Amino acid sequence: MTEMTRITAPDAWIDQVFAAKSVRTGGVIRRRIDWVDREIGRARFEEEVRKRGFHLIETGWHLVIICHPGAVRLLF
């Protein structure tokens, strides 16, 4: 299997990511950007986050999802 081989179907991958306990409790999840790009693509991932009313932050090699629709304030 090469580094860019998709591991699961895109819909199953989305279901798995957003079934995490942190999502249900308003917590935070993170995923490596290269993994998201390989599995479903950045545009689809952003669409799924937006559809849920969550916030998405890109930092370093990760995408961080804040799993609640409330205000976010970056302190520094």
N, C-alpha and C. Protein backbone atom coordinates (compact mmCIF):
# COMPACT_ATOMS: atom_id res chain seq x y z
N MET A 1 0.84 -1.17 0.00
CA MET A 1 0.00 0.00 0.00
C MET A 1 0.89 1.24 0.00
N THR A 2 0.64 2.16 -0.92
CA THR A 2 1.44 3.38 -0.98
C THR A 2 0.95 4.38 0.06
N GLU A 3 1.74 5.41 0.26
CA GLU A 3 1.41 6.42 1.25
C GLU A 3 0.09 7.12 0.94
N MET A 4 -0.28 7.23 -0.34
CA MET A 4 -1.48 7.96 -0.72
C MET A 4 -2.69 7.06 -0.94
N THR A 5 -2.64 5.82 -0.53
CA THR A 5 -3.76 4.90 -0.72
C THR A 5 -4.89 5.23 0.26
N ARG A 6 -6.10 5.35 -0.26
CA ARG A 6 -7.26 5.59 0.58
C ARG A 6 -7.55 4.33 1.38
N ILE A 7 -7.81 4.49 2.67
CA ILE A 7 -8.03 3.36 3.56
C ILE A 7 -9.51 2.98 3.64
N THR A 8 -10.40 3.96 3.70
CA THR A 8 -11.83 3.69 3.82
C THR A 8 -12.60 4.53 2.81
N ALA A 9 -13.87 4.19 2.63
CA ALA A 9 -14.74 4.98 1.76
C ALA A 9 -14.95 6.35 2.41
N PRO A 10 -15.05 7.41 1.62
CA PRO A 10 -15.19 8.76 2.18
C PRO A 10 -16.34 8.92 3.17
N ASP A 11 -17.52 8.40 2.85
CA ASP A 11 -18.65 8.55 3.76
C ASP A 11 -18.42 7.81 5.07
N ALA A 12 -17.84 6.63 5.00
CA ALA A 12 -17.54 5.87 6.22
C ALA A 12 -16.50 6.61 7.06
N TRP A 13 -15.52 7.21 6.40
CA TRP A 13 -14.48 7.96 7.11
C TRP A 13 -15.10 9.14 7.85
N ILE A 14 -15.96 9.90 7.17
CA ILE A 14 -16.65 11.03 7.78
C ILE A 14 -17.48 10.57 8.98
N ASP A 15 -18.24 9.50 8.80
CA ASP A 15 -19.06 8.97 9.89
C ASP A 15 -18.20 8.61 11.10
N GLN A 16 -17.06 8.00 10.85
CA GLN A 16 -16.17 7.59 11.94
C GLN A 16 -15.59 8.80 12.67
N VAL A 17 -15.13 9.78 11.93
CA VAL A 17 -14.54 10.97 12.54
C VAL A 17 -15.57 11.70 13.41
N PHE A 18 -16.77 11.90 12.88
CA PHE A 18 -17.77 12.68 13.60
C PHE A 18 -18.61 11.85 14.57
N ALA A 19 -18.24 10.58 14.78
CA ALA A 19 -18.88 9.75 15.79
C ALA A 19 -18.08 9.75 17.09
N ALA A 20 -16.94 10.43 17.10
CA ALA A 20 -16.09 10.45 18.29
C ALA A 20 -16.82 11.09 19.47
N LYS A 21 -16.51 10.62 20.67
CA LYS A 21 -17.12 11.15 21.89
C LYS A 21 -16.90 12.66 22.02
N SER A 22 -15.72 13.13 21.62
CA SER A 22 -15.43 14.56 21.69
C SER A 22 -16.40 15.39 20.85
N VAL A 23 -16.84 14.84 19.76
CA VAL A 23 -17.80 15.55 18.90
C VAL A 23 -19.13 15.67 19.64
N ARG A 24 -19.57 14.59 20.23
CA ARG A 24 -20.87 14.57 20.92
C ARG A 24 -20.89 15.45 22.16
N THR A 25 -19.74 15.66 22.77
CA THR A 25 -19.68 16.43 24.02
C THR A 25 -19.18 17.86 23.83
N GLY A 26 -19.05 18.29 22.58
CA GLY A 26 -18.61 19.66 22.32
C GLY A 26 -17.13 19.88 22.50
N GLY A 27 -16.36 18.83 22.37
CA GLY A 27 -14.92 18.91 22.55
C GLY A 27 -14.17 19.28 21.29
N VAL A 28 -12.95 18.84 21.22
CA VAL A 28 -12.04 19.16 20.13
C VAL A 28 -11.48 17.87 19.54
N ILE A 29 -11.40 17.81 18.21
CA ILE A 29 -10.71 16.70 17.55
C ILE A 29 -9.71 17.28 16.58
N ARG A 30 -8.71 16.50 16.25
CA ARG A 30 -7.72 16.96 15.27
C ARG A 30 -7.38 15.81 14.34
N ARG A 31 -7.03 16.18 13.12
CA ARG A 31 -6.63 15.21 12.12
C ARG A 31 -5.48 15.80 11.32
N ARG A 32 -4.54 14.96 10.92
CA ARG A 32 -3.43 15.43 10.08
C ARG A 32 -3.96 15.85 8.71
N ILE A 33 -3.45 16.95 8.22
CA ILE A 33 -3.90 17.47 6.93
C ILE A 33 -3.67 16.47 5.81
N ASP A 34 -2.51 15.80 5.80
CA ASP A 34 -2.26 14.85 4.71
C ASP A 34 -3.22 13.67 4.75
N TRP A 35 -3.65 13.29 5.93
CA TRP A 35 -4.61 12.19 6.06
C TRP A 35 -5.98 12.61 5.53
N VAL A 36 -6.43 13.83 5.91
CA VAL A 36 -7.70 14.35 5.41
C VAL A 36 -7.65 14.45 3.89
N ASP A 37 -6.58 15.01 3.36
CA ASP A 37 -6.44 15.16 1.90
C ASP A 37 -6.52 13.81 1.21
N ARG A 38 -5.89 12.80 1.78
CA ARG A 38 -5.88 11.47 1.18
C ARG A 38 -7.25 10.79 1.26
N GLU A 39 -7.89 10.89 2.40
CA GLU A 39 -9.13 10.15 2.62
C GLU A 39 -10.35 10.75 1.93
N ILE A 40 -10.54 12.08 2.06
CA ILE A 40 -11.74 12.68 1.47
C ILE A 40 -11.50 14.00 0.77
N GLY A 41 -10.35 14.59 0.95
CA GLY A 41 -10.06 15.89 0.35
C GLY A 41 -10.46 17.03 1.27
N ARG A 42 -9.72 18.10 1.18
CA ARG A 42 -9.92 19.25 2.07
C ARG A 42 -11.29 19.89 1.88
N ALA A 43 -11.73 20.05 0.63
CA ALA A 43 -13.01 20.71 0.37
C ALA A 43 -14.17 19.95 1.01
N ARG A 44 -14.18 18.64 0.85
CA ARG A 44 -15.25 17.83 1.45
C ARG A 44 -15.21 17.91 2.96
N PHE A 45 -14.01 17.88 3.54
CA PHE A 45 -13.88 17.95 4.99
C PHE A 45 -14.40 19.29 5.51
N GLU A 46 -14.00 20.37 4.86
CA GLU A 46 -14.47 21.70 5.25
C GLU A 46 -15.98 21.79 5.15
N GLU A 47 -16.55 21.22 4.11
CA GLU A 47 -18.01 21.20 3.94
C GLU A 47 -18.69 20.48 5.10
N GLU A 48 -18.15 19.35 5.51
CA GLU A 48 -18.73 18.57 6.61
C GLU A 48 -18.64 19.32 7.93
N VAL A 49 -17.53 20.00 8.17
CA VAL A 49 -17.38 20.79 9.40
C VAL A 49 -18.37 21.95 9.39
N ARG A 50 -18.44 22.66 8.27
CA ARG A 50 -19.34 23.80 8.13
C ARG A 50 -20.80 23.37 8.30
N LYS A 51 -21.17 22.23 7.71
CA LYS A 51 -22.53 21.71 7.78
C LYS A 51 -22.96 21.49 9.24
N ARG A 52 -22.04 21.13 10.09
CA ARG A 52 -22.33 20.87 11.50
C ARG A 52 -22.27 22.14 12.35
N GLY A 53 -21.85 23.25 11.76
CA GLY A 53 -21.77 24.50 12.50
C GLY A 53 -20.56 24.58 13.40
N PHE A 54 -19.55 23.73 13.16
CA PHE A 54 -18.34 23.71 13.97
C PHE A 54 -17.32 24.70 13.43
N HIS A 55 -16.20 24.83 14.13
CA HIS A 55 -15.12 25.71 13.73
C HIS A 55 -13.91 24.86 13.32
N LEU A 56 -13.17 25.32 12.32
CA LEU A 56 -12.01 24.59 11.82
C LEU A 56 -10.80 25.50 11.85
N ILE A 57 -9.73 25.00 12.44
CA ILE A 57 -8.47 25.73 12.54
C ILE A 57 -7.39 24.89 11.88
N GLU A 58 -6.57 25.53 11.05
CA GLU A 58 -5.41 24.85 10.47
C GLU A 58 -4.17 25.35 11.19
N THR A 59 -3.38 24.43 11.69
CA THR A 59 -2.14 24.79 12.37
C THR A 59 -1.11 23.70 12.14
N GLY A 60 0.06 24.09 11.71
CA GLY A 60 1.10 23.11 11.43
C GLY A 60 0.61 22.06 10.45
N TRP A 61 0.70 20.80 10.85
CA TRP A 61 0.27 19.69 10.00
C TRP A 61 -1.11 19.20 10.35
N HIS A 62 -1.85 19.95 11.17
CA HIS A 62 -3.14 19.48 11.65
C HIS A 62 -4.29 20.42 11.34
N LEU A 63 -5.47 19.81 11.26
CA LEU A 63 -6.73 20.53 11.24
C LEU A 63 -7.37 20.25 12.59
N VAL A 64 -7.75 21.29 13.28
CA VAL A 64 -8.36 21.18 14.60
C VAL A 64 -9.82 21.59 14.46
N ILE A 65 -10.72 20.72 14.92
CA ILE A 65 -12.15 20.99 14.83
C ILE A 65 -12.67 21.25 16.23
N ILE A 66 -13.27 22.40 16.43
CA ILE A 66 -13.91 22.74 17.69
C ILE A 66 -15.38 22.38 17.50
N CYS A 67 -15.82 21.38 18.23
CA CYS A 67 -17.10 20.74 17.96
C CYS A 67 -18.27 21.36 18.70
N HIS A 68 -18.41 22.65 18.56
CA HIS A 68 -19.59 23.36 19.04
C HIS A 68 -19.73 24.63 18.22
N PRO A 69 -20.95 25.14 18.12
CA PRO A 69 -21.19 26.32 17.28
C PRO A 69 -20.96 27.65 17.98
N GLY A 70 -20.60 27.63 19.25
CA GLY A 70 -20.42 28.88 20.00
C GLY A 70 -19.22 29.69 19.53
N ALA A 71 -19.13 30.88 20.06
CA ALA A 71 -18.05 31.79 19.70
C ALA A 71 -16.69 31.19 20.07
N VAL A 72 -15.69 31.55 19.27
CA VAL A 72 -14.31 31.15 19.52
C VAL A 72 -13.47 32.42 19.58
N ARG A 73 -12.60 32.48 20.57
CA ARG A 73 -11.73 33.65 20.72
C ARG A 73 -10.30 33.14 20.79
N LEU A 74 -9.47 33.58 19.88
CA LEU A 74 -8.05 33.22 19.88
C LEU A 74 -7.33 34.21 20.79
N LEU A 75 -6.73 33.71 21.85
CA LEU A 75 -6.14 34.60 22.86
C LEU A 75 -4.74 35.08 22.50
N PHE A 76 -3.92 34.24 21.91
CA PHE A 76 -2.60 34.66 21.44
C PHE A 76 -2.00 33.58 20.62
